[in-house]
Amino acid sequence: MDAVTRGLIAGAAGTSALNFTTYLDMAVRGRPASSTPEETVDKLAGDVGVDLGKGSSAAGRKEGIGTLLGYATGLGSAVCYAMLARRRAPWPVGVLALGALAMIGSNAPMTLLGVTDPRKWSATSWISDAVPHMAYGAAAYFACEHLR
């Protein structure tokens, strides 16, 4: 199996784990979903001059595109890992590398666009972001290595 295929499968597993962990956190703590994906789409669309429409149509497009960008980040992070990791990395290194790739891949664009500023996050916000990304890293790592 080639690295791209292995990475896509691992990315799908990791993204599922990230979503599961995020939604479990929302259910347990009763917290709402983050609005940053939609804000990122809104900012990007404005910057490039794309009209997303008005009202509920625009809101639906922002939510849909924001979710798709999350999937692209999850798939892309694992594909990058699978292509760069020529041999099996020790599991703590692989899990942290994949989790960090996904976390940077999702947060860096939002930070660069001014949607969020991690320097101002509370400890709870950092944990709420890091735990699902490490769940992503674990699932993606074990899937990728199992398929090797």
N, C-alpha and C. Protein backbone atom coordinates (compact mmCIF):
# COMPACT_ATOMS: atom_id res chain seq x y z
N MET A 1 0.86 -1.17 0.00
CA MET A 1 0.00 0.00 0.00
C MET A 1 0.90 1.24 0.00
N ASP A 2 0.61 2.19 -0.85
CA ASP A 2 1.47 3.37 -0.92
C ASP A 2 1.18 4.34 0.23
N ALA A 3 2.09 5.28 0.43
CA ALA A 3 2.02 6.20 1.57
C ALA A 3 0.78 7.09 1.52
N VAL A 4 0.38 7.52 0.34
CA VAL A 4 -0.79 8.40 0.23
C VAL A 4 -2.05 7.66 0.66
N THR A 5 -2.22 6.46 0.18
CA THR A 5 -3.40 5.67 0.55
C THR A 5 -3.40 5.38 2.05
N ARG A 6 -2.24 4.97 2.57
CA ARG A 6 -2.11 4.70 4.00
C ARG A 6 -2.44 5.97 4.80
N GLY A 7 -1.95 7.12 4.34
CA GLY A 7 -2.20 8.38 5.03
C GLY A 7 -3.67 8.78 4.98
N LEU A 8 -4.32 8.56 3.84
CA LEU A 8 -5.75 8.90 3.75
C LEU A 8 -6.59 8.06 4.70
N ILE A 9 -6.29 6.77 4.77
CA ILE A 9 -7.03 5.89 5.68
C ILE A 9 -6.74 6.28 7.13
N ALA A 10 -5.47 6.52 7.45
CA ALA A 10 -5.10 6.92 8.81
C ALA A 10 -5.72 8.27 9.16
N GLY A 11 -5.75 9.19 8.19
CA GLY A 11 -6.35 10.50 8.43
C GLY A 11 -7.84 10.40 8.70
N ALA A 12 -8.51 9.50 7.99
CA ALA A 12 -9.94 9.29 8.24
C ALA A 12 -10.17 8.74 9.64
N ALA A 13 -9.33 7.79 10.04
CA ALA A 13 -9.45 7.24 11.40
C ALA A 13 -9.17 8.32 12.45
N GLY A 14 -8.12 9.09 12.22
CA GLY A 14 -7.78 10.15 13.17
C GLY A 14 -8.85 11.22 13.26
N THR A 15 -9.40 11.61 12.12
CA THR A 15 -10.44 12.64 12.11
C THR A 15 -11.69 12.14 12.82
N SER A 16 -12.01 10.87 12.65
CA SER A 16 -13.15 10.29 13.37
C SER A 16 -12.91 10.34 14.87
N ALA A 17 -11.69 10.01 15.30
CA ALA A 17 -11.37 10.05 16.74
C ALA A 17 -11.42 11.48 17.26
N LEU A 18 -10.93 12.43 16.49
CA LEU A 18 -10.98 13.84 16.91
C LEU A 18 -12.43 14.29 17.06
N ASN A 19 -13.26 13.98 16.06
CA ASN A 19 -14.67 14.38 16.14
C ASN A 19 -15.38 13.71 17.30
N PHE A 20 -15.12 12.43 17.50
CA PHE A 20 -15.74 11.72 18.62
C PHE A 20 -15.37 12.37 19.95
N THR A 21 -14.08 12.65 20.12
CA THR A 21 -13.60 13.26 21.37
C THR A 21 -14.19 14.65 21.56
N THR A 22 -14.25 15.43 20.50
CA THR A 22 -14.80 16.78 20.57
C THR A 22 -16.28 16.74 20.95
N TYR A 23 -17.05 15.89 20.27
CA TYR A 23 -18.48 15.82 20.56
C TYR A 23 -18.77 15.23 21.94
N LEU A 24 -17.93 14.31 22.38
CA LEU A 24 -18.07 13.79 23.74
C LEU A 24 -17.84 14.91 24.76
N ASP A 25 -16.81 15.72 24.54
CA ASP A 25 -16.54 16.86 25.41
C ASP A 25 -17.72 17.83 25.43
N MET A 26 -18.28 18.10 24.26
CA MET A 26 -19.43 19.00 24.19
C MET A 26 -20.62 18.43 24.96
N ALA A 27 -20.85 17.12 24.83
CA ALA A 27 -21.97 16.49 25.53
C ALA A 27 -21.77 16.48 27.04
N VAL A 28 -20.55 16.16 27.47
CA VAL A 28 -20.28 16.07 28.91
C VAL A 28 -20.32 17.44 29.57
N ARG A 29 -19.66 18.42 28.95
CA ARG A 29 -19.60 19.75 29.55
C ARG A 29 -20.74 20.67 29.15
N GLY A 30 -21.54 20.26 28.19
CA GLY A 30 -22.65 21.09 27.74
C GLY A 30 -22.19 22.35 27.04
N ARG A 31 -21.05 22.27 26.38
CA ARG A 31 -20.52 23.46 25.71
C ARG A 31 -20.94 23.46 24.25
N PRO A 32 -21.09 24.64 23.67
CA PRO A 32 -21.46 24.71 22.25
C PRO A 32 -20.26 24.41 21.35
N ALA A 33 -20.54 24.17 20.10
CA ALA A 33 -19.49 23.98 19.11
C ALA A 33 -18.72 25.29 18.92
N SER A 34 -17.48 25.18 18.54
CA SER A 34 -16.66 26.36 18.25
C SER A 34 -17.17 27.03 16.98
N SER A 35 -17.14 28.33 16.96
CA SER A 35 -17.54 29.08 15.76
C SER A 35 -16.34 29.43 14.89
N THR A 36 -15.13 29.05 15.31
CA THR A 36 -13.94 29.46 14.56
C THR A 36 -13.88 28.89 13.14
N PRO A 37 -14.33 27.66 12.87
CA PRO A 37 -14.30 27.21 11.46
C PRO A 37 -15.15 28.10 10.56
N GLU A 38 -16.36 28.46 11.02
CA GLU A 38 -17.23 29.31 10.22
C GLU A 38 -16.65 30.72 10.09
N GLU A 39 -16.05 31.22 11.16
CA GLU A 39 -15.42 32.54 11.10
C GLU A 39 -14.25 32.54 10.12
N THR A 40 -13.52 31.44 10.08
CA THR A 40 -12.39 31.31 9.15
C THR A 40 -12.88 31.33 7.71
N VAL A 41 -13.94 30.57 7.44
CA VAL A 41 -14.51 30.55 6.09
C VAL A 41 -15.01 31.94 5.71
N ASP A 42 -15.68 32.61 6.63
CA ASP A 42 -16.18 33.97 6.38
C ASP A 42 -15.03 34.91 6.04
N LYS A 43 -13.95 34.83 6.81
CA LYS A 43 -12.79 35.69 6.59
C LYS A 43 -12.13 35.37 5.25
N LEU A 44 -11.92 34.10 4.96
CA LEU A 44 -11.32 33.70 3.69
C LEU A 44 -12.18 34.15 2.51
N ALA A 45 -13.48 33.92 2.60
CA ALA A 45 -14.39 34.32 1.50
C ALA A 45 -14.33 35.83 1.28
N GLY A 46 -14.33 36.58 2.36
CA GLY A 46 -14.23 38.04 2.23
C GLY A 46 -12.92 38.48 1.63
N ASP A 47 -11.83 37.81 2.02
CA ASP A 47 -10.50 38.18 1.52
C ASP A 47 -10.35 37.91 0.02
N VAL A 48 -11.01 36.87 -0.48
CA VAL A 48 -10.87 36.55 -1.90
C VAL A 48 -12.08 37.01 -2.72
N GLY A 49 -13.04 37.64 -2.08
CA GLY A 49 -14.18 38.20 -2.80
C GLY A 49 -15.24 37.21 -3.21
N VAL A 50 -15.41 36.15 -2.45
CA VAL A 50 -16.44 35.16 -2.74
C VAL A 50 -17.68 35.47 -1.91
N ASP A 51 -18.82 35.57 -2.58
CA ASP A 51 -20.09 35.83 -1.90
C ASP A 51 -20.71 34.49 -1.49
N LEU A 52 -20.87 34.29 -0.21
CA LEU A 52 -21.46 33.04 0.29
C LEU A 52 -22.98 33.11 0.40
N GLY A 53 -23.56 34.24 0.03
CA GLY A 53 -25.00 34.40 0.11
C GLY A 53 -25.40 35.13 1.38
N LYS A 54 -26.68 35.01 1.71
CA LYS A 54 -27.23 35.70 2.88
C LYS A 54 -27.99 34.72 3.77
N GLY A 55 -28.15 35.09 5.01
CA GLY A 55 -28.98 34.35 5.94
C GLY A 55 -28.58 32.91 6.15
N SER A 56 -29.60 32.03 6.13
CA SER A 56 -29.35 30.62 6.45
C SER A 56 -28.52 29.93 5.36
N SER A 57 -28.61 30.39 4.12
CA SER A 57 -27.78 29.81 3.06
C SER A 57 -26.31 30.07 3.33
N ALA A 58 -25.98 31.30 3.69
CA ALA A 58 -24.58 31.64 4.01
C ALA A 58 -24.12 30.87 5.23
N ALA A 59 -24.96 30.79 6.25
CA ALA A 59 -24.59 30.06 7.47
C ALA A 59 -24.34 28.58 7.15
N GLY A 60 -25.18 27.99 6.32
CA GLY A 60 -24.99 26.59 5.93
C GLY A 60 -23.71 26.39 5.14
N ARG A 61 -23.42 27.31 4.23
CA ARG A 61 -22.17 27.20 3.47
C ARG A 61 -20.96 27.32 4.38
N LYS A 62 -21.00 28.27 5.30
CA LYS A 62 -19.86 28.46 6.22
C LYS A 62 -19.64 27.21 7.06
N GLU A 63 -20.72 26.65 7.58
CA GLU A 63 -20.60 25.43 8.40
C GLU A 63 -20.09 24.27 7.57
N GLY A 64 -20.64 24.10 6.37
CA GLY A 64 -20.22 23.00 5.51
C GLY A 64 -18.77 23.12 5.07
N ILE A 65 -18.37 24.31 4.63
CA ILE A 65 -17.00 24.51 4.18
C ILE A 65 -16.04 24.40 5.36
N GLY A 66 -16.42 24.94 6.51
CA GLY A 66 -15.58 24.83 7.71
C GLY A 66 -15.34 23.38 8.09
N THR A 67 -16.38 22.57 8.02
CA THR A 67 -16.25 21.14 8.32
C THR A 67 -15.37 20.45 7.29
N LEU A 68 -15.56 20.77 6.01
CA LEU A 68 -14.73 20.18 4.96
C LEU A 68 -13.26 20.56 5.12
N LEU A 69 -12.99 21.79 5.54
CA LEU A 69 -11.60 22.20 5.79
C LEU A 69 -11.00 21.38 6.93
N GLY A 70 -11.82 21.06 7.93
CA GLY A 70 -11.35 20.20 9.02
C GLY A 70 -10.99 18.81 8.53
N TYR A 71 -11.83 18.24 7.68
CA TYR A 71 -11.52 16.93 7.10
C TYR A 71 -10.25 17.00 6.25
N ALA A 72 -10.12 18.06 5.47
CA ALA A 72 -8.92 18.21 4.64
C ALA A 72 -7.66 18.30 5.50
N THR A 73 -7.75 18.99 6.62
CA THR A 73 -6.62 19.08 7.53
C THR A 73 -6.28 17.71 8.11
N GLY A 74 -7.29 16.98 8.53
CA GLY A 74 -7.06 15.65 9.09
C GLY A 74 -6.48 14.68 8.09
N LEU A 75 -7.00 14.68 6.88
CA LEU A 75 -6.48 13.79 5.85
C LEU A 75 -5.08 14.23 5.43
N GLY A 76 -4.91 15.53 5.24
CA GLY A 76 -3.61 16.04 4.80
C GLY A 76 -2.50 15.83 5.80
N SER A 77 -2.80 15.99 7.08
CA SER A 77 -1.79 15.78 8.11
C SER A 77 -1.26 14.36 8.10
N ALA A 78 -2.18 13.40 7.99
CA ALA A 78 -1.76 12.00 8.00
C ALA A 78 -1.05 11.61 6.70
N VAL A 79 -1.46 12.19 5.59
CA VAL A 79 -0.76 11.91 4.33
C VAL A 79 0.67 12.44 4.42
N CYS A 80 0.83 13.65 4.95
CA CYS A 80 2.19 14.21 5.12
C CYS A 80 3.04 13.30 6.01
N TYR A 81 2.46 12.86 7.12
CA TYR A 81 3.18 11.97 8.03
C TYR A 81 3.58 10.68 7.33
N ALA A 82 2.62 10.06 6.64
CA ALA A 82 2.88 8.78 5.99
C ALA A 82 3.96 8.92 4.91
N MET A 83 3.98 10.05 4.24
CA MET A 83 4.98 10.25 3.19
C MET A 83 6.37 10.55 3.77
N LEU A 84 6.41 11.21 4.93
CA LEU A 84 7.69 11.59 5.52
C LEU A 84 8.28 10.51 6.43
N ALA A 85 7.44 9.72 7.05
CA ALA A 85 7.92 8.69 7.98
C ALA A 85 8.28 7.44 7.20
N ARG A 86 9.54 7.34 6.85
CA ARG A 86 10.00 6.21 6.03
C ARG A 86 10.02 4.90 6.81
N ARG A 87 10.19 5.01 8.12
CA ARG A 87 10.15 3.80 8.95
C ARG A 87 9.32 4.11 10.19
N ARG A 88 8.97 3.05 10.87
CA ARG A 88 8.09 3.16 12.04
C ARG A 88 8.72 4.03 13.12
N ALA A 89 8.01 5.04 13.55
CA ALA A 89 8.45 5.88 14.66
C ALA A 89 7.94 5.26 15.96
N PRO A 90 8.65 5.45 17.08
CA PRO A 90 8.10 4.98 18.37
C PRO A 90 6.73 5.64 18.59
N TRP A 91 5.80 4.91 19.16
CA TRP A 91 4.43 5.41 19.25
C TRP A 91 4.31 6.78 19.92
N PRO A 92 5.05 7.10 21.00
CA PRO A 92 4.86 8.45 21.55
C PRO A 92 5.27 9.55 20.56
N VAL A 93 6.32 9.29 19.81
CA VAL A 93 6.79 10.27 18.82
C VAL A 93 5.76 10.41 17.70
N GLY A 94 5.27 9.30 17.19
CA GLY A 94 4.29 9.33 16.11
C GLY A 94 2.98 9.98 16.51
N VAL A 95 2.49 9.64 17.69
CA VAL A 95 1.23 10.22 18.18
C VAL A 95 1.38 11.73 18.34
N LEU A 96 2.47 12.15 18.98
CA LEU A 96 2.69 13.59 19.18
C LEU A 96 2.90 14.31 17.85
N ALA A 97 3.64 13.70 16.94
CA ALA A 97 3.88 14.33 15.64
C ALA A 97 2.58 14.52 14.87
N LEU A 98 1.77 13.48 14.82
CA LEU A 98 0.50 13.58 14.10
C LEU A 98 -0.46 14.54 14.77
N GLY A 99 -0.55 14.48 16.10
CA GLY A 99 -1.41 15.41 16.82
C GLY A 99 -0.97 16.85 16.61
N ALA A 100 0.34 17.08 16.66
CA ALA A 100 0.86 18.44 16.44
C ALA A 100 0.62 18.90 15.01
N LEU A 101 0.82 18.02 14.03
CA LEU A 101 0.56 18.39 12.64
C LEU A 101 -0.89 18.84 12.45
N ALA A 102 -1.82 18.06 13.00
CA ALA A 102 -3.23 18.41 12.86
C ALA A 102 -3.57 19.69 13.62
N MET A 103 -2.99 19.84 14.79
CA MET A 103 -3.28 21.04 15.60
C MET A 103 -2.74 22.29 14.91
N ILE A 104 -1.52 22.21 14.39
CA ILE A 104 -0.95 23.34 13.67
C ILE A 104 -1.72 23.59 12.38
N GLY A 105 -2.07 22.50 11.69
CA GLY A 105 -2.81 22.64 10.44
C GLY A 105 -4.16 23.29 10.60
N SER A 106 -4.79 23.12 11.75
CA SER A 106 -6.09 23.76 11.97
C SER A 106 -5.95 25.14 12.59
N ASN A 107 -5.02 25.31 13.51
CA ASN A 107 -4.92 26.58 14.23
C ASN A 107 -4.10 27.65 13.53
N ALA A 108 -3.08 27.25 12.78
CA ALA A 108 -2.22 28.26 12.13
C ALA A 108 -3.00 29.14 11.16
N PRO A 109 -3.82 28.58 10.27
CA PRO A 109 -4.57 29.46 9.37
C PRO A 109 -5.52 30.40 10.12
N MET A 110 -6.18 29.89 11.15
CA MET A 110 -7.10 30.74 11.92
C MET A 110 -6.35 31.85 12.64
N THR A 111 -5.16 31.53 13.12
CA THR A 111 -4.34 32.54 13.80
C THR A 111 -3.85 33.58 12.81
N LEU A 112 -3.35 33.13 11.66
CA LEU A 112 -2.85 34.05 10.64
C LEU A 112 -3.95 34.97 10.10
N LEU A 113 -5.18 34.46 10.05
CA LEU A 113 -6.31 35.26 9.58
C LEU A 113 -6.88 36.17 10.66
N GLY A 114 -6.38 36.03 11.89
CA GLY A 114 -6.87 36.85 13.00
C GLY A 114 -8.18 36.37 13.59
N VAL A 115 -8.56 35.12 13.32
CA VAL A 115 -9.81 34.57 13.85
C VAL A 115 -9.63 34.19 15.32
N THR A 116 -8.44 33.74 15.68
CA THR A 116 -8.15 33.36 17.06
C THR A 116 -6.71 33.73 17.39
N ASP A 117 -6.42 33.76 18.67
CA ASP A 117 -5.06 34.04 19.13
C ASP A 117 -4.74 33.09 20.28
N PRO A 118 -4.03 31.98 19.98
CA PRO A 118 -3.72 30.99 21.02
C PRO A 118 -2.99 31.57 22.23
N ARG A 119 -2.30 32.69 22.05
CA ARG A 119 -1.61 33.31 23.19
C ARG A 119 -2.59 33.79 24.25
N LYS A 120 -3.84 33.97 23.87
CA LYS A 120 -4.86 34.47 24.79
C LYS A 120 -5.80 33.37 25.29
N TRP A 121 -5.55 32.12 24.89
CA TRP A 121 -6.41 31.03 25.32
C TRP A 121 -6.20 30.71 26.80
N SER A 122 -7.27 30.31 27.44
CA SER A 122 -7.18 29.83 28.82
C SER A 122 -6.65 28.40 28.82
N ALA A 123 -6.30 27.92 29.99
CA ALA A 123 -5.84 26.52 30.11
C ALA A 123 -6.92 25.56 29.65
N THR A 124 -8.17 25.85 29.98
CA THR A 124 -9.28 25.01 29.56
C THR A 124 -9.41 24.97 28.04
N SER A 125 -9.22 26.12 27.41
CA SER A 125 -9.28 26.17 25.94
C SER A 125 -8.16 25.36 25.31
N TRP A 126 -6.96 25.45 25.89
CA TRP A 126 -5.83 24.66 25.37
C TRP A 126 -6.11 23.17 25.50
N ILE A 127 -6.64 22.76 26.65
CA ILE A 127 -6.95 21.35 26.87
C ILE A 127 -8.04 20.89 25.91
N SER A 128 -9.07 21.74 25.72
CA SER A 128 -10.17 21.40 24.82
C SER A 128 -9.70 21.24 23.38
N ASP A 129 -8.61 21.90 23.03
CA ASP A 129 -8.06 21.78 21.69
C ASP A 129 -7.03 20.65 21.60
N ALA A 130 -6.20 20.52 22.61
CA ALA A 130 -5.11 19.54 22.56
C ALA A 130 -5.60 18.09 22.70
N VAL A 131 -6.55 17.84 23.58
CA VAL A 131 -6.99 16.46 23.81
C VAL A 131 -7.57 15.82 22.54
N PRO A 132 -8.49 16.47 21.83
CA PRO A 132 -8.98 15.86 20.59
C PRO A 132 -7.88 15.69 19.53
N HIS A 133 -6.94 16.62 19.49
CA HIS A 133 -5.85 16.48 18.52
C HIS A 133 -4.92 15.33 18.89
N MET A 134 -4.74 15.06 20.16
CA MET A 134 -3.93 13.90 20.55
C MET A 134 -4.71 12.60 20.30
N ALA A 135 -6.03 12.63 20.44
CA ALA A 135 -6.84 11.46 20.06
C ALA A 135 -6.70 11.21 18.56
N TYR A 136 -6.70 12.31 17.79
CA TYR A 136 -6.44 12.20 16.35
C TYR A 136 -5.08 11.54 16.12
N GLY A 137 -4.06 12.05 16.80
CA GLY A 137 -2.71 11.54 16.63
C GLY A 137 -2.62 10.06 16.94
N ALA A 138 -3.26 9.62 18.01
CA ALA A 138 -3.22 8.21 18.40
C ALA A 138 -3.91 7.33 17.36
N ALA A 139 -5.12 7.71 16.96
CA ALA A 139 -5.85 6.89 15.99
C ALA A 139 -5.14 6.88 14.64
N ALA A 140 -4.66 8.03 14.20
CA ALA A 140 -3.98 8.10 12.90
C ALA A 140 -2.67 7.31 12.93
N TYR A 141 -1.92 7.45 14.03
CA TYR A 141 -0.65 6.72 14.14
C TYR A 141 -0.87 5.21 14.07
N PHE A 142 -1.78 4.71 14.90
CA PHE A 142 -1.97 3.27 14.95
C PHE A 142 -2.55 2.74 13.65
N ALA A 143 -3.43 3.50 12.99
CA ALA A 143 -3.94 3.08 11.69
C ALA A 143 -2.82 3.05 10.65
N CYS A 144 -2.04 4.11 10.63
CA CYS A 144 -0.95 4.21 9.66
C CYS A 144 0.07 3.08 9.84
N GLU A 145 0.43 2.82 11.08
CA GLU A 145 1.42 1.77 11.33
C GLU A 145 0.86 0.38 11.11
N HIS A 146 -0.41 0.19 11.41
CA HIS A 146 -1.05 -1.10 11.17
C HIS A 146 -1.07 -1.40 9.66
N LEU A 147 -1.23 -0.38 8.86
CA LEU A 147 -1.30 -0.56 7.40
C LEU A 147 0.07 -0.63 6.74
N ARG A 148 1.12 -0.36 7.49
CA ARG A 148 2.47 -0.32 6.92
C ARG A 148 2.90 -1.71 6.46
